[in-house]
């Protein structure tokens, strides 16, 4: 199983980024998928989750700003992040089936 994230980078406060996670080795459409993040000195936390049926849930801190979506035909999970804040700075990880992890992509929100 392989999960490969991309799309991180440096962005100014108020800006946007879209993260992608391409998955191989599992039946993507049958698995719940999630985005987690870990800021320096903090524990990893759930940001957003999408069930196989398409139900989505979000951490309170990102509701209304982030959107998780999935393209089952491309085996790809997305995280659209808008109105970014400095406190969103972290390494973002893709998770599959509450078990498999990607290597992470760094997001830095700074002026």
PDB file of N, CA and C in Angstrom:
ATOM      1  N   UNK A   1       0.853  -1.183   0.000  1.00  0.00           N
ATOM      2  CA  UNK A   1       0.000   0.000   0.000  1.00  0.00           C
ATOM      3  C   UNK A   1       0.892   1.236   0.000  1.00  0.00           C
ATOM      4  N   UNK A   2       0.548   2.186  -0.841  1.00  0.00           N
ATOM      5  CA  UNK A   2       1.333   3.420  -0.925  1.00  0.00           C
ATOM      6  C   UNK A   2       0.403   4.626  -0.994  1.00  0.00           C
ATOM      7  N   UNK A   3       0.695   5.610  -0.157  1.00  0.00           N
ATOM      8  CA  UNK A   3      -0.035   6.867  -0.147  1.00  0.00           C
ATOM      9  C   UNK A   3       0.984   7.975  -0.389  1.00  0.00           C
ATOM     10  N   UNK A   4       0.750   8.795  -1.397  1.00  0.00           N
ATOM     11  CA  UNK A   4       1.699   9.842  -1.749  1.00  0.00           C
ATOM     12  C   UNK A   4       0.985  11.185  -1.753  1.00  0.00           C
ATOM     13  N   UNK A   5       1.397  12.040  -0.801  1.00  0.00           N
ATOM     14  CA  UNK A   5       0.806  13.375  -0.703  1.00  0.00           C
ATOM     15  C   UNK A   5       1.590  14.375  -1.532  1.00  0.00           C
ATOM     16  N   UNK A   6       0.905  15.402  -1.963  1.00  0.00           N
ATOM     17  CA  UNK A   6       1.552  16.514  -2.676  1.00  0.00           C
ATOM     18  C   UNK A   6       0.714  17.765  -2.482  1.00  0.00           C
ATOM     19  N   UNK A   7       1.311  18.903  -2.825  1.00  0.00           N
ATOM     20  CA  UNK A   7       0.558  20.150  -2.806  1.00  0.00           C
ATOM     21  C   UNK A   7       0.889  21.097  -1.672  1.00  0.00           C
ATOM     22  N   UNK A   8       1.739  20.662  -0.752  1.00  0.00           N
ATOM     23  CA  UNK A   8       2.108  21.554   0.335  1.00  0.00           C
ATOM     24  C   UNK A   8       3.021  22.673  -0.140  1.00  0.00           C
ATOM     25  N   UNK A   9       3.271  23.621   0.763  1.00  0.00           N
ATOM     26  CA  UNK A   9       4.148  24.723   0.417  1.00  0.00           C
ATOM     27  C   UNK A   9       3.985  25.874   1.363  1.00  0.00           C
ATOM     28  N   UNK A  10       4.529  26.996   0.967  1.00  0.00           N
ATOM     29  CA  UNK A  10       4.460  28.235   1.739  1.00  0.00           C
ATOM     30  C   UNK A  10       3.363  29.120   1.159  1.00  0.00           C
ATOM     31  N   UNK A  11       2.496  29.619   2.033  1.00  0.00           N
ATOM     32  CA  UNK A  11       1.400  30.467   1.585  1.00  0.00           C
ATOM     33  C   UNK A  11       1.184  31.560   2.616  1.00  0.00           C
ATOM     34  N   UNK A  12       0.730  32.711   2.168  1.00  0.00           N
ATOM     35  CA  UNK A  12       0.453  33.818   3.081  1.00  0.00           C
ATOM     36  C   UNK A  12      -0.871  33.597   3.803  1.00  0.00           C
ATOM     37  N   UNK A  13      -1.021  34.176   4.984  1.00  0.00           N
ATOM     38  CA  UNK A  13      -2.315  34.099   5.669  1.00  0.00           C
ATOM     39  C   UNK A  13      -3.445  34.587   4.766  1.00  0.00           C
ATOM     40  N   UNK A  14      -4.558  33.855   4.800  1.00  0.00           N
ATOM     41  CA  UNK A  14      -5.686  34.169   3.928  1.00  0.00           C
ATOM     42  C   UNK A  14      -5.638  33.474   2.592  1.00  0.00           C
ATOM     43  N   UNK A  15      -4.525  32.843   2.287  1.00  0.00           N
ATOM     44  CA  UNK A  15      -4.375  32.163   1.006  1.00  0.00           C
ATOM     45  C   UNK A  15      -4.980  30.772   0.987  1.00  0.00           C
ATOM     46  N   UNK A  16      -4.770  30.076  -0.129  1.00  0.00           N
ATOM     47  CA  UNK A  16      -5.348  28.747  -0.334  1.00  0.00           C
ATOM     48  C   UNK A  16      -4.292  27.771  -0.836  1.00  0.00           C
ATOM     49  N   UNK A  17      -4.506  26.516  -0.522  1.00  0.00           N
ATOM     50  CA  UNK A  17      -3.714  25.416  -1.059  1.00  0.00           C
ATOM     51  C   UNK A  17      -4.637  24.227  -1.262  1.00  0.00           C
ATOM     52  N   UNK A  18      -4.278  23.362  -2.198  1.00  0.00           N
ATOM     53  CA  UNK A  18      -4.997  22.104  -2.351  1.00  0.00           C
ATOM     54  C   UNK A  18      -4.003  20.956  -2.243  1.00  0.00           C
ATOM     55  N   UNK A  19      -4.243  20.101  -1.266  1.00  0.00           N
ATOM     56  CA  UNK A  19      -3.417  18.915  -1.083  1.00  0.00           C
ATOM     57  C   UNK A  19      -4.038  17.733  -1.828  1.00  0.00           C
ATOM     58  N   UNK A  20      -3.185  16.866  -2.325  1.00  0.00           N
ATOM     59  CA  UNK A  20      -3.635  15.645  -2.991  1.00  0.00           C
ATOM     60  C   UNK A  20      -2.957  14.443  -2.352  1.00  0.00           C
ATOM     61  N   UNK A  21      -3.647  13.324  -2.377  1.00  0.00           N
ATOM     62  CA  UNK A  21      -3.084  12.066  -1.882  1.00  0.00           C
ATOM     63  C   UNK A  21      -3.500  10.972  -2.854  1.00  0.00           C
ATOM     64  N   UNK A  22      -2.528  10.417  -3.547  1.00  0.00           N
ATOM     65  CA  UNK A  22      -2.790   9.343  -4.484  1.00  0.00           C
ATOM     66  C   UNK A  22      -2.476   8.014  -3.816  1.00  0.00           C
ATOM     67  N   UNK A  23      -3.419   7.075  -3.930  1.00  0.00           N
ATOM     68  CA  UNK A  23      -3.347   5.819  -3.183  1.00  0.00           C
ATOM     69  C   UNK A  23      -3.228   4.649  -4.145  1.00  0.00           C
ATOM     70  N   UNK A  24      -2.390   3.703  -3.801  1.00  0.00           N
ATOM     71  CA  UNK A  24      -2.289   2.464  -4.571  1.00  0.00           C
ATOM     72  C   UNK A  24      -2.156   1.294  -3.614  1.00  0.00           C
ATOM     73  N   UNK A  25      -2.577   0.119  -4.080  1.00  0.00           N
ATOM     74  CA  UNK A  25      -2.425  -1.093  -3.292  1.00  0.00           C
ATOM     75  C   UNK A  25      -3.647  -1.494  -2.497  1.00  0.00           C
ATOM     76  N   UNK A  26      -4.668  -0.655  -2.473  1.00  0.00           N
ATOM     77  CA  UNK A  26      -5.922  -0.995  -1.815  1.00  0.00           C
ATOM     78  C   UNK A  26      -7.068  -0.571  -2.719  1.00  0.00           C
ATOM     79  N   UNK A  27      -8.268  -1.051  -2.398  1.00  0.00           N
ATOM     80  CA  UNK A  27      -9.447  -0.622  -3.138  1.00  0.00           C
ATOM     81  C   UNK A  27      -9.910   0.701  -2.541  1.00  0.00           C
ATOM     82  N   UNK A  28      -9.462   1.771  -3.170  1.00  0.00           N
ATOM     83  CA  UNK A  28      -9.655   3.116  -2.630  1.00  0.00           C
ATOM     84  C   UNK A  28     -11.124   3.386  -2.310  1.00  0.00           C
ATOM     85  N   UNK A  29     -12.013   3.038  -3.187  1.00  0.00           N
ATOM     86  CA  UNK A  29     -13.422   3.411  -3.042  1.00  0.00           C
ATOM     87  C   UNK A  29     -14.082   2.742  -1.844  1.00  0.00           C
ATOM     88  N   UNK A  30     -13.503   1.682  -1.343  1.00  0.00           N
ATOM     89  CA  UNK A  30     -14.116   0.936  -0.244  1.00  0.00           C
ATOM     90  C   UNK A  30     -13.620   1.380   1.132  1.00  0.00           C
ATOM     91  N   UNK A  31     -12.689   2.310   1.147  1.00  0.00           N
ATOM     92  CA  UNK A  31     -12.045   2.670   2.402  1.00  0.00           C
ATOM     93  C   UNK A  31     -12.317   4.105   2.826  1.00  0.00           C
ATOM     94  N   UNK A  32     -12.466   4.268   4.134  1.00  0.00           N
ATOM     95  CA  UNK A  32     -12.492   5.612   4.693  1.00  0.00           C
ATOM     96  C   UNK A  32     -11.110   6.238   4.518  1.00  0.00           C
ATOM     97  N   UNK A  33     -11.103   7.549   4.265  1.00  0.00           N
ATOM     98  CA  UNK A  33      -9.856   8.281   4.074  1.00  0.00           C
ATOM     99  C   UNK A  33      -9.867   9.519   4.947  1.00  0.00           C
ATOM    100  N   UNK A  34      -8.678   9.919   5.381  1.00  0.00           N
ATOM    101  CA  UNK A  34      -8.622  11.097   6.229  1.00  0.00           C
ATOM    102  C   UNK A  34      -7.355  11.905   6.034  1.00  0.00           C
ATOM    103  N   UNK A  35      -7.444  13.152   6.431  1.00  0.00           N
ATOM    104  CA  UNK A  35      -6.287  14.043   6.504  1.00  0.00           C
ATOM    105  C   UNK A  35      -6.015  14.351   7.971  1.00  0.00           C
ATOM    106  N   UNK A  36      -4.780  14.218   8.357  1.00  0.00           N
ATOM    107  CA  UNK A  36      -4.326  14.557   9.701  1.00  0.00           C
ATOM    108  C   UNK A  36      -3.218  15.611   9.560  1.00  0.00           C
ATOM    109  N   UNK A  37      -2.911  16.260  10.665  1.00  0.00           N
ATOM    110  CA  UNK A  37      -1.785  17.185  10.665  1.00  0.00           C
ATOM    111  C   UNK A  37      -1.064  17.139  12.001  1.00  0.00           C
ATOM    112  N   UNK A  38       0.212  17.485  11.932  1.00  0.00           N
ATOM    113  CA  UNK A  38       1.015  17.534  13.155  1.00  0.00           C
ATOM    114  C   UNK A  38       1.871  18.792  13.111  1.00  0.00           C
ATOM    115  N   UNK A  39       1.597  19.671  14.040  1.00  0.00           N
ATOM    116  CA  UNK A  39       2.372  20.905  14.168  1.00  0.00           C
ATOM    117  C   UNK A  39       3.570  20.647  15.072  1.00  0.00           C
ATOM    118  N   UNK A  40       4.610  21.460  14.967  1.00  0.00           N
ATOM    119  CA  UNK A  40       5.793  21.272  15.813  1.00  0.00           C
ATOM    120  C   UNK A  40       5.437  21.255  17.292  1.00  0.00           C
ATOM    121  N   UNK A  41       5.891  20.228  17.984  1.00  0.00           N
ATOM    122  CA  UNK A  41       5.662  20.125  19.416  1.00  0.00           C
ATOM    123  C   UNK A  41       4.267  19.686  19.815  1.00  0.00           C
ATOM    124  N   UNK A  42       3.442  19.331  18.831  1.00  0.00           N
ATOM    125  CA  UNK A  42       2.063  18.924  19.132  1.00  0.00           C
ATOM    126  C   UNK A  42       1.796  17.517  18.622  1.00  0.00           C
ATOM    127  N   UNK A  43       0.733  16.933  19.126  1.00  0.00           N
ATOM    128  CA  UNK A  43       0.341  15.605  18.674  1.00  0.00           C
ATOM    129  C   UNK A  43      -0.371  15.689  17.320  1.00  0.00           C
ATOM    130  N   UNK A  44      -0.335  14.573  16.614  1.00  0.00           N
ATOM    131  CA  UNK A  44      -1.047  14.499  15.348  1.00  0.00           C
ATOM    132  C   UNK A  44      -2.546  14.575  15.612  1.00  0.00           C
ATOM    133  N   UNK A  45      -3.274  15.332  14.794  1.00  0.00           N
ATOM    134  CA  UNK A  45      -4.705  15.493  14.993  1.00  0.00           C
ATOM    135  C   UNK A  45      -5.454  15.281  13.676  1.00  0.00           C
ATOM    136  N   UNK A  46      -6.683  14.816  13.822  1.00  0.00           N
ATOM    137  CA  UNK A  46      -7.538  14.627  12.662  1.00  0.00           C
ATOM    138  C   UNK A  46      -8.023  15.982  12.159  1.00  0.00           C
ATOM    139  N   UNK A  47      -7.914  16.197  10.864  1.00  0.00           N
ATOM    140  CA  UNK A  47      -8.381  17.434  10.234  1.00  0.00           C
ATOM    141  C   UNK A  47      -9.727  17.207   9.550  1.00  0.00           C
ATOM    142  N   UNK A  48      -9.796  16.152   8.749  1.00  0.00           N
ATOM    143  CA  UNK A  48     -11.021  15.878   7.997  1.00  0.00           C
ATOM    144  C   UNK A  48     -11.043  14.406   7.613  1.00  0.00           C
ATOM    145  N   UNK A  49     -12.241  13.895   7.464  1.00  0.00           N
ATOM    146  CA  UNK A  49     -12.392  12.467   7.159  1.00  0.00           C
ATOM    147  C   UNK A  49     -13.523  12.277   6.167  1.00  0.00           C
ATOM    148  N   UNK A  50     -13.343  11.298   5.285  1.00  0.00           N
ATOM    149  CA  UNK A  50     -14.373  10.952   4.305  1.00  0.00           C
ATOM    150  C   UNK A  50     -14.590   9.448   4.353  1.00  0.00           C
ATOM    151  N   UNK A  51     -15.834   9.031   4.614  1.00  0.00           N
ATOM    152  CA  UNK A  51     -16.132   7.598   4.615  1.00  0.00           C
ATOM    153  C   UNK A  51     -16.234   7.087   3.179  1.00  0.00           C
ATOM    154  N   UNK A  52     -16.286   5.792   3.033  1.00  0.00           N
ATOM    155  CA  UNK A  52     -16.431   5.209   1.699  1.00  0.00           C
ATOM    156  C   UNK A  52     -17.734   5.639   1.047  1.00  0.00           C
ATOM    157  N   UNK A  53     -18.724   5.949   1.874  1.00  0.00           N
ATOM    158  CA  UNK A  53     -20.016   6.387   1.353  1.00  0.00           C
ATOM    159  C   UNK A  53     -20.089   7.872   1.066  1.00  0.00           C
ATOM    160  N   UNK A  54     -18.990   8.577   1.356  1.00  0.00           N
ATOM    161  CA  UNK A  54     -18.943   9.998   1.043  1.00  0.00           C
ATOM    162  C   UNK A  54     -19.328  10.922   2.179  1.00  0.00           C
ATOM    163  N   UNK A  55     -19.602  10.357   3.357  1.00  0.00           N
ATOM    164  CA  UNK A  55     -19.895  11.220   4.502  1.00  0.00           C
ATOM    165  C   UNK A  55     -18.610  11.887   4.951  1.00  0.00           C
ATOM    166  N   UNK A  56     -18.673  13.190   5.220  1.00  0.00           N
ATOM    167  CA  UNK A  56     -17.479  13.931   5.619  1.00  0.00           C
ATOM    168  C   UNK A  56     -17.635  14.531   7.005  1.00  0.00           C
ATOM    169  N   UNK A  57     -16.506  14.682   7.683  1.00  0.00           N
ATOM    170  CA  UNK A  57     -16.496  15.325   8.988  1.00  0.00           C
ATOM    171  C   UNK A  57     -15.210  16.123   9.118  1.00  0.00           C
ATOM    172  N   UNK A  58     -15.236  17.148   9.984  1.00  0.00           N
ATOM    173  CA  UNK A  58     -14.128  18.085  10.088  1.00  0.00           C
ATOM    174  C   UNK A  58     -13.850  18.432  11.543  1.00  0.00           C
ATOM    175  N   UNK A  59     -12.598  18.751  11.799  1.00  0.00           N
ATOM    176  CA  UNK A  59     -12.246  19.345  13.079  1.00  0.00           C
ATOM    177  C   UNK A  59     -12.888  20.726  13.162  1.00  0.00           C
ATOM    178  N   UNK A  60     -13.275  21.116  14.366  1.00  0.00           N
ATOM    179  CA  UNK A  60     -13.927  22.414  14.534  1.00  0.00           C
ATOM    180  C   UNK A  60     -13.052  23.555  14.026  1.00  0.00           C
ATOM    181  N   UNK A  61     -11.757  23.399  14.166  1.00  0.00           N
ATOM    182  CA  UNK A  61     -10.830  24.477  13.817  1.00  0.00           C
ATOM    183  C   UNK A  61     -10.775  24.751  12.308  1.00  0.00           C
ATOM    184  N   UNK A  62     -11.253  23.815  11.492  1.00  0.00           N
ATOM    185  CA  UNK A  62     -11.170  24.003  10.033  1.00  0.00           C
ATOM    186  C   UNK A  62     -12.526  24.048   9.356  1.00  0.00           C
ATOM    187  N   UNK A  63     -13.587  23.852  10.119  1.00  0.00           N
ATOM    188  CA  UNK A  63     -14.930  23.869   9.516  1.00  0.00           C
ATOM    189  C   UNK A  63     -15.192  25.198   8.811  1.00  0.00           C
ATOM    190  N   UNK A  64     -15.734  25.095   7.610  1.00  0.00           N
ATOM    191  CA  UNK A  64     -16.033  26.293   6.831  1.00  0.00           C
ATOM    192  C   UNK A  64     -14.863  26.808   6.028  1.00  0.00           C
ATOM    193  N   UNK A  65     -13.659  26.270   6.266  1.00  0.00           N
ATOM    194  CA  UNK A  65     -12.473  26.716   5.531  1.00  0.00           C
ATOM    195  C   UNK A  65     -11.867  25.594   4.677  1.00  0.00           C
ATOM    196  N   UNK A  66     -11.929  24.367   5.176  1.00  0.00           N
ATOM    197  CA  UNK A  66     -11.337  23.222   4.481  1.00  0.00           C
ATOM    198  C   UNK A  66     -12.441  22.333   3.924  1.00  0.00           C
ATOM    199  N   UNK A  67     -12.157  21.710   2.790  1.00  0.00           N
ATOM    200  CA  UNK A  67     -13.085  20.764   2.188  1.00  0.00           C
ATOM    201  C   UNK A  67     -12.333  19.517   1.757  1.00  0.00           C
ATOM    202  N   UNK A  68     -12.786  18.369   2.246  1.00  0.00           N
ATOM    203  CA  UNK A  68     -12.214  17.094   1.837  1.00  0.00           C
ATOM    204  C   UNK A  68     -13.075  16.522   0.719  1.00  0.00           C
ATOM    205  N   UNK A  69     -12.422  15.949  -0.275  1.00  0.00           N
ATOM    206  CA  UNK A  69     -13.158  15.315  -1.367  1.00  0.00           C
ATOM    207  C   UNK A  69     -12.337  14.141  -1.896  1.00  0.00           C
ATOM    208  N   UNK A  70     -12.987  13.290  -2.643  1.00  0.00           N
ATOM    209  CA  UNK A  70     -12.301  12.115  -3.168  1.00  0.00           C
ATOM    210  C   UNK A  70     -12.743  11.844  -4.597  1.00  0.00           C
ATOM    211  N   UNK A  71     -11.802  11.381  -5.399  1.00  0.00           N
ATOM    212  CA  UNK A  71     -12.083  10.961  -6.767  1.00  0.00           C
ATOM    213  C   UNK A  71     -11.775   9.475  -6.840  1.00  0.00           C
ATOM    214  N   UNK A  72     -12.795   8.670  -6.731  1.00  0.00           N
ATOM    215  CA  UNK A  72     -12.588   7.223  -6.690  1.00  0.00           C
ATOM    216  C   UNK A  72     -12.028   6.684  -8.010  1.00  0.00           C
ATOM    217  N   UNK A  73     -12.316   7.351  -9.118  1.00  0.00           N
ATOM    218  CA  UNK A  73     -11.788   6.905 -10.405  1.00  0.00           C
ATOM    219  C   UNK A  73     -10.278   7.112 -10.495  1.00  0.00           C
ATOM    220  N   UNK A  74      -9.776   8.105  -9.791  1.00  0.00           N
ATOM    221  CA  UNK A  74      -8.337   8.406  -9.803  1.00  0.00           C
ATOM    222  C   UNK A  74      -7.617   7.944  -8.538  1.00  0.00           C
ATOM    223  N   UNK A  75      -8.369   7.279  -7.637  1.00  0.00           N
ATOM    224  CA  UNK A  75      -7.766   6.830  -6.365  1.00  0.00           C
ATOM    225  C   UNK A  75      -7.066   7.989  -5.647  1.00  0.00           C
ATOM    226  N   UNK A  76      -7.704   9.129  -5.634  1.00  0.00           N
ATOM    227  CA  UNK A  76      -7.079  10.332  -5.093  1.00  0.00           C
ATOM    228  C   UNK A  76      -7.995  11.033  -4.105  1.00  0.00           C
ATOM    229  N   UNK A  77      -7.394  11.442  -3.007  1.00  0.00           N
ATOM    230  CA  UNK A  77      -8.064  12.218  -1.967  1.00  0.00           C
ATOM    231  C   UNK A  77      -7.536  13.643  -2.031  1.00  0.00           C
ATOM    232  N   UNK A  78      -8.416  14.610  -1.795  1.00  0.00           N
ATOM    233  CA  UNK A  78      -8.023  16.010  -1.832  1.00  0.00           C
ATOM    234  C   UNK A  78      -8.380  16.709  -0.526  1.00  0.00           C
ATOM    235  N   UNK A  79      -7.667  17.784  -0.268  1.00  0.00           N
ATOM    236  CA  UNK A  79      -8.026  18.685   0.825  1.00  0.00           C
ATOM    237  C   UNK A  79      -7.856  20.104   0.298  1.00  0.00           C
ATOM    238  N   UNK A  80      -8.964  20.768   0.065  1.00  0.00           N
ATOM    239  CA  UNK A  80      -8.939  22.173  -0.337  1.00  0.00           C
ATOM    240  C   UNK A  80      -8.917  23.021   0.929  1.00  0.00           C
ATOM    241  N   UNK A  81      -7.892  23.831   1.057  1.00  0.00           N
ATOM    242  CA  UNK A  81      -7.720  24.642   2.252  1.00  0.00           C
ATOM    243  C   UNK A  81      -7.784  26.110   1.874  1.00  0.00           C
ATOM    244  N   UNK A  82      -8.777  26.791   2.395  1.00  0.00           N
ATOM    245  CA  UNK A  82      -8.966  28.223   2.114  1.00  0.00           C
ATOM    246  C   UNK A  82      -8.823  29.030   3.394  1.00  0.00           C
ATOM    247  N   UNK A  83      -8.640  30.311   3.244  1.00  0.00           N
ATOM    248  CA  UNK A  83      -8.526  31.224   4.392  1.00  0.00           C
ATOM    249  C   UNK A  83      -7.526  30.681   5.409  1.00  0.00           C
ATOM    250  N   UNK A  84      -6.374  30.316   4.929  1.00  0.00           N
ATOM    251  CA  UNK A  84      -5.375  29.697   5.794  1.00  0.00           C
ATOM    252  C   UNK A  84      -4.868  30.665   6.848  1.00  0.00           C
ATOM    253  N   UNK A  85      -4.583  30.102   8.017  1.00  0.00           N
ATOM    254  CA  UNK A  85      -4.101  30.865   9.164  1.00  0.00           C
ATOM    255  C   UNK A  85      -2.718  30.344   9.571  1.00  0.00           C
ATOM    256  N   UNK A  86      -1.939  31.158  10.254  1.00  0.00           N
ATOM    257  CA  UNK A  86      -0.634  30.674  10.720  1.00  0.00           C
ATOM    258  C   UNK A  86      -0.739  29.405  11.560  1.00  0.00           C
ATOM    259  N   UNK A  87      -1.814  29.263  12.304  1.00  0.00           N
ATOM    260  CA  UNK A  87      -1.980  28.067  13.133  1.00  0.00           C
ATOM    261  C   UNK A  87      -2.295  26.807  12.333  1.00  0.00           C
ATOM    262  N   UNK A  88      -2.493  26.951  11.027  1.00  0.00           N
ATOM    263  CA  UNK A  88      -2.653  25.778  10.168  1.00  0.00           C
ATOM    264  C   UNK A  88      -1.304  25.195   9.743  1.00  0.00           C
ATOM    265  N   UNK A  89      -0.233  25.868  10.097  1.00  0.00           N
ATOM    266  CA  UNK A  89       1.104  25.385   9.767  1.00  0.00           C
ATOM    267  C   UNK A  89       1.358  24.026  10.418  1.00  0.00           C
ATOM    268  N   UNK A  90       1.699  23.035   9.604  1.00  0.00           N
ATOM    269  CA  UNK A  90       1.904  21.678  10.090  1.00  0.00           C
ATOM    270  C   UNK A  90       2.349  20.793   8.934  1.00  0.00           C
ATOM    271  N   UNK A  91       2.727  19.583   9.270  1.00  0.00           N
ATOM    272  CA  UNK A  91       2.885  18.544   8.253  1.00  0.00           C
ATOM    273  C   UNK A  91       1.547  17.826   8.147  1.00  0.00           C
ATOM    274  N   UNK A  92       1.029  17.727   6.938  1.00  0.00           N
ATOM    275  CA  UNK A  92      -0.268  17.117   6.689  1.00  0.00           C
ATOM    276  C   UNK A  92      -0.074  15.701   6.151  1.00  0.00           C
ATOM    277  N   UNK A  93      -0.785  14.772   6.756  1.00  0.00           N
ATOM    278  CA  UNK A  93      -0.666  13.365   6.407  1.00  0.00           C
ATOM    279  C   UNK A  93      -2.000  12.821   5.892  1.00  0.00           C
ATOM    280  N   UNK A  94      -1.898  11.981   4.917  1.00  0.00           N
ATOM    281  CA  UNK A  94      -3.044  11.249   4.388  1.00  0.00           C
ATOM    282  C   UNK A  94      -3.119   9.893   5.095  1.00  0.00           C
ATOM    283  N   UNK A  95      -4.337   9.478   5.399  1.00  0.00           N
ATOM    284  CA  UNK A  95      -4.535   8.201   6.083  1.00  0.00           C
ATOM    285  C   UNK A  95      -5.608   7.402   5.360  1.00  0.00           C
ATOM    286  N   UNK A  96      -5.384   6.115   5.262  1.00  0.00           N
ATOM    287  CA  UNK A  96      -6.345   5.238   4.613  1.00  0.00           C
ATOM    288  C   UNK A  96      -6.765   4.128   5.559  1.00  0.00           C
ATOM    289  N   UNK A  97      -8.058   3.932   5.647  1.00  0.00           N
ATOM    290  CA  UNK A  97      -8.611   2.828   6.433  1.00  0.00           C
ATOM    291  C   UNK A  97      -8.186   2.880   7.891  1.00  0.00           C
ATOM    292  N   UNK A  98      -7.881   4.082   8.360  1.00  0.00           N
ATOM    293  CA  UNK A  98      -7.444   4.270   9.752  1.00  0.00           C
ATOM    294  C   UNK A  98      -6.217   3.439  10.077  1.00  0.00           C
ATOM    295  N   UNK A  99      -5.407   3.154   9.042  1.00  0.00           N
ATOM    296  CA  UNK A  99      -4.261   2.277   9.264  1.00  0.00           C
ATOM    297  C   UNK A  99      -3.027   2.691   8.467  1.00  0.00           C
ATOM    298  N   UNK A 100      -3.186   2.987   7.202  1.00  0.00           N
ATOM    299  CA  UNK A 100      -2.037   3.303   6.349  1.00  0.00           C
ATOM    300  C   UNK A 100      -1.794   4.808   6.300  1.00  0.00           C
ATOM    301  N   UNK A 101      -0.502   5.196   6.228  1.00  0.00           N
ATOM    302  CA  UNK A 101      -0.121   6.606   6.260  1.00  0.00           C
ATOM    303  C   UNK A 101       0.783   6.958   5.087  1.00  0.00           C
ATOM    304  N   UNK A 102       0.648   8.199   4.639  1.00  0.00           N
ATOM    305  CA  UNK A 102       1.604   8.740   3.683  1.00  0.00           C
ATOM    306  C   UNK A 102       2.795   9.333   4.413  1.00  0.00           C
ATOM    307  N   UNK A 103       3.710   9.912   3.636  1.00  0.00           N
ATOM    308  CA  UNK A 103       4.937  10.446   4.221  1.00  0.00           C
ATOM    309  C   UNK A 103       4.764  11.876   4.714  1.00  0.00           C
ATOM    310  N   UNK A 104       3.685  12.509   4.326  1.00  0.00           N
ATOM    311  CA  UNK A 104       3.401  13.871   4.776  1.00  0.00           C
ATOM    312  C   UNK A 104       3.848  14.928   3.788  1.00  0.00           C
ATOM    313  N   UNK A 105       3.135  16.055   3.822  1.00  0.00           N
ATOM    314  CA  UNK A 105       3.515  17.220   3.032  1.00  0.00           C
ATOM    315  C   UNK A 105       3.414  18.450   3.934  1.00  0.00           C
ATOM    316  N   UNK A 106       4.429  19.293   3.861  1.00  0.00           N
ATOM    317  CA  UNK A 106       4.509  20.417   4.801  1.00  0.00           C
ATOM    318  C   UNK A 106       3.748  21.622   4.269  1.00  0.00           C
ATOM    319  N   UNK A 107       2.952  22.196   5.163  1.00  0.00           N
ATOM    320  CA  UNK A 107       2.232  23.439   4.871  1.00  0.00           C
ATOM    321  C   UNK A 107       2.705  24.505   5.847  1.00  0.00           C
ATOM    322  N   UNK A 108       3.163  25.618   5.318  1.00  0.00           N
ATOM    323  CA  UNK A 108       3.604  26.729   6.146  1.00  0.00           C
ATOM    324  C   UNK A 108       2.806  27.968   5.761  1.00  0.00           C
ATOM    325  N   UNK A 109       2.134  28.530   6.763  1.00  0.00           N
ATOM    326  CA  UNK A 109       1.341  29.733   6.541  1.00  0.00           C
ATOM    327  C   UNK A 109       2.035  30.887   7.250  1.00  0.00           C
ATOM    328  N   UNK A 110       2.584  31.785   6.475  1.00  0.00           N
ATOM    329  CA  UNK A 110       3.385  32.861   7.058  1.00  0.00           C
ATOM    330  C   UNK A 110       3.489  34.018   6.071  1.00  0.00           C
ATOM    331  N   UNK A 111       3.584  35.215   6.624  1.00  0.00           N
ATOM    332  CA  UNK A 111       3.793  36.394   5.778  1.00  0.00           C
ATOM    333  C   UNK A 111       5.276  36.723   5.677  1.00  0.00           C
TER     334      UNK A 111
END
